[in-house]
Amino acid sequence: MDKLWSDKEIEQTAYRFKAVAHPLRLAIVCLLADGERSVGDICEAVGTTQPNITQHLIVLHNQKLLKSRKEINRVYYAINDRRLTEIIGMLQGIYCP
């Protein structure tokens, strides 16, 4: 069997899946599938505090799953690669019919 991915690619992918596997981070990704949101909007939508959301956003951002931009005194997050939205949609179709 040919090795399709390098060890580094497998490790990076595993860490990205692990980042999304947390329930709150998955909720954030699902929310952002509909478009960019500010940190405050994310807090309100998922019902937790800004420091808690910020910690989870950092994990997702560090794994390059999210991109951010700052506008005056607000930070906005969006999904970095729309294919992540497709993957989440497929998983939802399989496990949440």
N, C-alpha and C. Protein backbone atom coordinates (compact mmCIF):
# COMPACT_ATOMS: atom_id res chain seq x y z
N MET A 1 0.85 -1.19 0.00
CA MET A 1 0.00 0.00 0.00
C MET A 1 0.89 1.24 0.00
N ASP A 2 0.61 2.14 -0.92
CA ASP A 2 1.36 3.39 -0.98
C ASP A 2 0.91 4.32 0.13
N LYS A 3 1.85 5.05 0.66
CA LYS A 3 1.55 6.03 1.69
C LYS A 3 1.05 7.30 1.01
N LEU A 4 -0.21 7.65 1.24
CA LEU A 4 -0.81 8.78 0.56
C LEU A 4 -0.48 10.11 1.23
N TRP A 5 -0.39 10.11 2.53
CA TRP A 5 -0.11 11.33 3.28
C TRP A 5 1.20 11.18 4.01
N SER A 6 1.89 12.28 4.17
CA SER A 6 3.10 12.25 4.99
C SER A 6 2.70 12.19 6.46
N ASP A 7 3.63 11.82 7.29
CA ASP A 7 3.37 11.79 8.74
C ASP A 7 2.95 13.17 9.24
N LYS A 8 3.59 14.21 8.70
CA LYS A 8 3.25 15.58 9.12
C LYS A 8 1.82 15.92 8.74
N GLU A 9 1.39 15.55 7.54
CA GLU A 9 0.02 15.83 7.10
C GLU A 9 -1.00 15.08 7.95
N ILE A 10 -0.69 13.84 8.28
CA ILE A 10 -1.59 13.06 9.13
C ILE A 10 -1.70 13.69 10.51
N GLU A 11 -0.58 14.11 11.07
CA GLU A 11 -0.58 14.74 12.39
C GLU A 11 -1.37 16.04 12.38
N GLN A 12 -1.16 16.89 11.37
CA GLN A 12 -1.88 18.16 11.28
C GLN A 12 -3.38 17.93 11.15
N THR A 13 -3.76 16.97 10.33
CA THR A 13 -5.19 16.67 10.13
C THR A 13 -5.81 16.16 11.41
N ALA A 14 -5.10 15.29 12.12
CA ALA A 14 -5.61 14.77 13.39
C ALA A 14 -5.83 15.89 14.40
N TYR A 15 -4.90 16.83 14.49
CA TYR A 15 -5.05 17.95 15.42
C TYR A 15 -6.23 18.83 15.02
N ARG A 16 -6.46 19.00 13.73
CA ARG A 16 -7.61 19.81 13.28
C ARG A 16 -8.92 19.11 13.61
N PHE A 17 -8.98 17.80 13.40
CA PHE A 17 -10.19 17.08 13.79
C PHE A 17 -10.40 17.15 15.29
N LYS A 18 -9.33 17.04 16.05
CA LYS A 18 -9.43 17.12 17.50
C LYS A 18 -9.96 18.49 17.93
N ALA A 19 -9.52 19.54 17.25
CA ALA A 19 -9.98 20.89 17.58
C ALA A 19 -11.48 21.02 17.38
N VAL A 20 -12.01 20.44 16.32
CA VAL A 20 -13.44 20.55 16.02
C VAL A 20 -14.26 19.57 16.86
N ALA A 21 -13.63 18.54 17.40
CA ALA A 21 -14.34 17.50 18.13
C ALA A 21 -14.92 17.97 19.46
N HIS A 22 -14.46 19.07 20.00
CA HIS A 22 -15.00 19.59 21.26
C HIS A 22 -16.41 20.15 21.00
N PRO A 23 -17.39 19.84 21.84
CA PRO A 23 -18.77 20.27 21.59
C PRO A 23 -18.94 21.78 21.38
N LEU A 24 -18.28 22.59 22.18
CA LEU A 24 -18.44 24.04 22.03
C LEU A 24 -17.77 24.53 20.74
N ARG A 25 -16.62 23.98 20.42
CA ARG A 25 -15.94 24.38 19.18
C ARG A 25 -16.74 23.93 17.96
N LEU A 26 -17.35 22.76 18.04
CA LEU A 26 -18.21 22.31 16.94
C LEU A 26 -19.40 23.24 16.79
N ALA A 27 -19.97 23.69 17.89
CA ALA A 27 -21.07 24.64 17.84
C ALA A 27 -20.63 25.96 17.19
N ILE A 28 -19.44 26.40 17.51
CA ILE A 28 -18.90 27.63 16.91
C ILE A 28 -18.75 27.46 15.41
N VAL A 29 -18.17 26.35 14.99
CA VAL A 29 -17.98 26.10 13.55
C VAL A 29 -19.33 26.03 12.85
N CYS A 30 -20.30 25.35 13.44
CA CYS A 30 -21.63 25.28 12.84
C CYS A 30 -22.26 26.67 12.72
N LEU A 31 -22.08 27.49 13.73
CA LEU A 31 -22.59 28.85 13.70
C LEU A 31 -21.92 29.66 12.59
N LEU A 32 -20.62 29.53 12.48
CA LEU A 32 -19.87 30.28 11.47
C LEU A 32 -20.09 29.76 10.05
N ALA A 33 -20.68 28.59 9.93
CA ALA A 33 -21.01 28.07 8.60
C ALA A 33 -21.99 29.00 7.89
N ASP A 34 -22.76 29.75 8.66
CA ASP A 34 -23.72 30.71 8.08
C ASP A 34 -23.08 32.05 7.78
N GLY A 35 -21.83 32.25 8.16
CA GLY A 35 -21.15 33.50 7.87
C GLY A 35 -20.38 34.05 9.05
N GLU A 36 -19.65 35.09 8.77
CA GLU A 36 -18.79 35.76 9.75
C GLU A 36 -19.61 36.27 10.93
N ARG A 37 -19.02 36.18 12.12
CA ARG A 37 -19.65 36.69 13.35
C ARG A 37 -18.61 37.34 14.24
N SER A 38 -19.07 38.30 15.03
CA SER A 38 -18.18 38.90 16.03
C SER A 38 -18.11 37.98 17.24
N VAL A 39 -17.10 38.19 18.06
CA VAL A 39 -16.96 37.40 19.28
C VAL A 39 -18.21 37.56 20.15
N GLY A 40 -18.71 38.76 20.27
CA GLY A 40 -19.92 39.00 21.06
C GLY A 40 -21.12 38.25 20.53
N ASP A 41 -21.27 38.22 19.20
CA ASP A 41 -22.37 37.48 18.58
C ASP A 41 -22.25 35.99 18.86
N ILE A 42 -21.03 35.48 18.81
CA ILE A 42 -20.80 34.06 19.07
C ILE A 42 -21.14 33.74 20.52
N CYS A 43 -20.72 34.59 21.45
CA CYS A 43 -21.02 34.38 22.87
C CYS A 43 -22.52 34.31 23.11
N GLU A 44 -23.22 35.25 22.51
CA GLU A 44 -24.68 35.30 22.68
C GLU A 44 -25.34 34.05 22.08
N ALA A 45 -24.90 33.64 20.92
CA ALA A 45 -25.53 32.52 20.24
C ALA A 45 -25.30 31.19 20.95
N VAL A 46 -24.12 30.98 21.50
CA VAL A 46 -23.84 29.70 22.16
C VAL A 46 -24.04 29.75 23.67
N GLY A 47 -24.24 30.94 24.22
CA GLY A 47 -24.60 31.07 25.62
C GLY A 47 -23.48 30.84 26.61
N THR A 48 -22.34 31.42 26.34
CA THR A 48 -21.24 31.32 27.30
C THR A 48 -20.47 32.64 27.33
N THR A 49 -19.47 32.71 28.16
CA THR A 49 -18.75 33.96 28.39
C THR A 49 -17.72 34.25 27.30
N GLN A 50 -17.35 35.51 27.21
CA GLN A 50 -16.35 35.94 26.23
C GLN A 50 -14.99 35.28 26.47
N PRO A 51 -14.50 35.19 27.71
CA PRO A 51 -13.22 34.52 27.91
C PRO A 51 -13.24 33.05 27.47
N ASN A 52 -14.35 32.36 27.74
CA ASN A 52 -14.47 30.96 27.33
C ASN A 52 -14.47 30.84 25.81
N ILE A 53 -15.26 31.66 25.14
CA ILE A 53 -15.32 31.64 23.68
C ILE A 53 -13.94 31.98 23.09
N THR A 54 -13.30 32.97 23.66
CA THR A 54 -11.99 33.38 23.14
C THR A 54 -11.00 32.23 23.19
N GLN A 55 -10.98 31.47 24.27
CA GLN A 55 -10.08 30.32 24.37
C GLN A 55 -10.34 29.32 23.24
N HIS A 56 -11.60 29.05 22.97
CA HIS A 56 -11.96 28.09 21.93
C HIS A 56 -11.67 28.64 20.53
N LEU A 57 -11.90 29.93 20.35
CA LEU A 57 -11.59 30.54 19.05
C LEU A 57 -10.09 30.48 18.77
N ILE A 58 -9.28 30.65 19.79
CA ILE A 58 -7.83 30.58 19.63
C ILE A 58 -7.42 29.19 19.16
N VAL A 59 -8.00 28.15 19.75
CA VAL A 59 -7.68 26.78 19.34
C VAL A 59 -8.01 26.58 17.86
N LEU A 60 -9.21 27.01 17.46
CA LEU A 60 -9.63 26.84 16.06
C LEU A 60 -8.79 27.69 15.12
N HIS A 61 -8.45 28.89 15.55
CA HIS A 61 -7.63 29.79 14.73
C HIS A 61 -6.21 29.24 14.58
N ASN A 62 -5.64 28.73 15.66
CA ASN A 62 -4.29 28.18 15.62
C ASN A 62 -4.18 26.96 14.70
N GLN A 63 -5.28 26.26 14.53
CA GLN A 63 -5.31 25.11 13.62
C GLN A 63 -5.67 25.53 12.19
N LYS A 64 -5.74 26.86 11.98
CA LYS A 64 -6.03 27.44 10.67
C LYS A 64 -7.42 27.07 10.14
N LEU A 65 -8.35 26.78 11.07
CA LEU A 65 -9.71 26.47 10.69
C LEU A 65 -10.55 27.74 10.56
N LEU A 66 -10.13 28.79 11.29
CA LEU A 66 -10.82 30.07 11.24
C LEU A 66 -9.87 31.17 10.84
N LYS A 67 -10.43 32.21 10.27
CA LYS A 67 -9.68 33.44 10.01
C LYS A 67 -10.36 34.54 10.80
N SER A 68 -9.61 35.59 11.09
CA SER A 68 -10.17 36.68 11.88
C SER A 68 -9.79 38.01 11.24
N ARG A 69 -10.58 39.00 11.59
CA ARG A 69 -10.27 40.37 11.19
C ARG A 69 -10.76 41.29 12.31
N LYS A 70 -10.06 42.39 12.46
CA LYS A 70 -10.42 43.35 13.50
C LYS A 70 -11.00 44.58 12.84
N GLU A 71 -12.10 45.04 13.41
CA GLU A 71 -12.75 46.26 12.93
C GLU A 71 -13.02 47.13 14.15
N ILE A 72 -12.28 48.20 14.24
CA ILE A 72 -12.31 49.11 15.38
C ILE A 72 -12.01 48.31 16.65
N ASN A 73 -13.02 48.06 17.50
CA ASN A 73 -12.75 47.34 18.75
C ASN A 73 -13.43 45.96 18.77
N ARG A 74 -13.81 45.46 17.60
CA ARG A 74 -14.43 44.14 17.52
C ARG A 74 -13.58 43.21 16.65
N VAL A 75 -13.59 41.95 17.04
CA VAL A 75 -12.92 40.92 16.24
C VAL A 75 -13.99 40.03 15.65
N TYR A 76 -13.86 39.78 14.37
CA TYR A 76 -14.81 38.95 13.63
C TYR A 76 -14.10 37.68 13.19
N TYR A 77 -14.82 36.57 13.27
CA TYR A 77 -14.27 35.28 12.85
C TYR A 77 -15.13 34.70 11.74
N ALA A 78 -14.46 33.95 10.87
CA ALA A 78 -15.12 33.24 9.78
C ALA A 78 -14.37 31.95 9.52
N ILE A 79 -15.04 31.02 8.89
CA ILE A 79 -14.38 29.77 8.51
C ILE A 79 -13.34 30.08 7.44
N ASN A 80 -12.16 29.55 7.62
CA ASN A 80 -11.04 29.84 6.74
C ASN A 80 -11.15 29.12 5.40
N ASP A 81 -11.75 27.94 5.39
CA ASP A 81 -11.86 27.14 4.18
C ASP A 81 -13.28 26.58 4.12
N ARG A 82 -14.04 26.95 3.12
CA ARG A 82 -15.45 26.55 3.02
C ARG A 82 -15.62 25.04 2.97
N ARG A 83 -14.56 24.31 2.64
CA ARG A 83 -14.67 22.84 2.63
C ARG A 83 -14.96 22.30 4.02
N LEU A 84 -14.55 23.03 5.06
CA LEU A 84 -14.88 22.62 6.43
C LEU A 84 -16.39 22.61 6.61
N THR A 85 -17.07 23.59 6.06
CA THR A 85 -18.53 23.65 6.13
C THR A 85 -19.14 22.42 5.45
N GLU A 86 -18.58 22.03 4.32
CA GLU A 86 -19.07 20.84 3.61
C GLU A 86 -18.88 19.58 4.45
N ILE A 87 -17.73 19.46 5.11
CA ILE A 87 -17.46 18.30 5.95
C ILE A 87 -18.45 18.25 7.11
N ILE A 88 -18.68 19.38 7.76
CA ILE A 88 -19.62 19.44 8.88
C ILE A 88 -21.02 19.07 8.39
N GLY A 89 -21.39 19.56 7.21
CA GLY A 89 -22.71 19.23 6.63
C GLY A 89 -22.84 17.75 6.37
N MET A 90 -21.79 17.12 5.86
CA MET A 90 -21.83 15.67 5.62
C MET A 90 -21.99 14.90 6.92
N LEU A 91 -21.24 15.30 7.95
CA LEU A 91 -21.34 14.63 9.25
C LEU A 91 -22.75 14.80 9.84
N GLN A 92 -23.30 15.99 9.69
CA GLN A 92 -24.65 16.24 10.19
C GLN A 92 -25.65 15.36 9.45
N GLY A 93 -25.49 15.22 8.16
CA GLY A 93 -26.39 14.37 7.39
C GLY A 93 -26.31 12.90 7.79
N ILE A 94 -25.12 12.46 8.17
CA ILE A 94 -24.93 11.07 8.57
C ILE A 94 -25.47 10.82 9.98
N TYR A 95 -25.12 11.69 10.92
CA TYR A 95 -25.41 11.44 12.32
C TYR A 95 -26.63 12.16 12.88
N CYS A 96 -27.16 13.12 12.14
CA CYS A 96 -28.31 13.90 12.64
C CYS A 96 -29.38 13.99 11.55
N PRO A 97 -29.84 12.85 11.03
CA PRO A 97 -30.83 12.91 9.92
C PRO A 97 -32.19 13.41 10.39
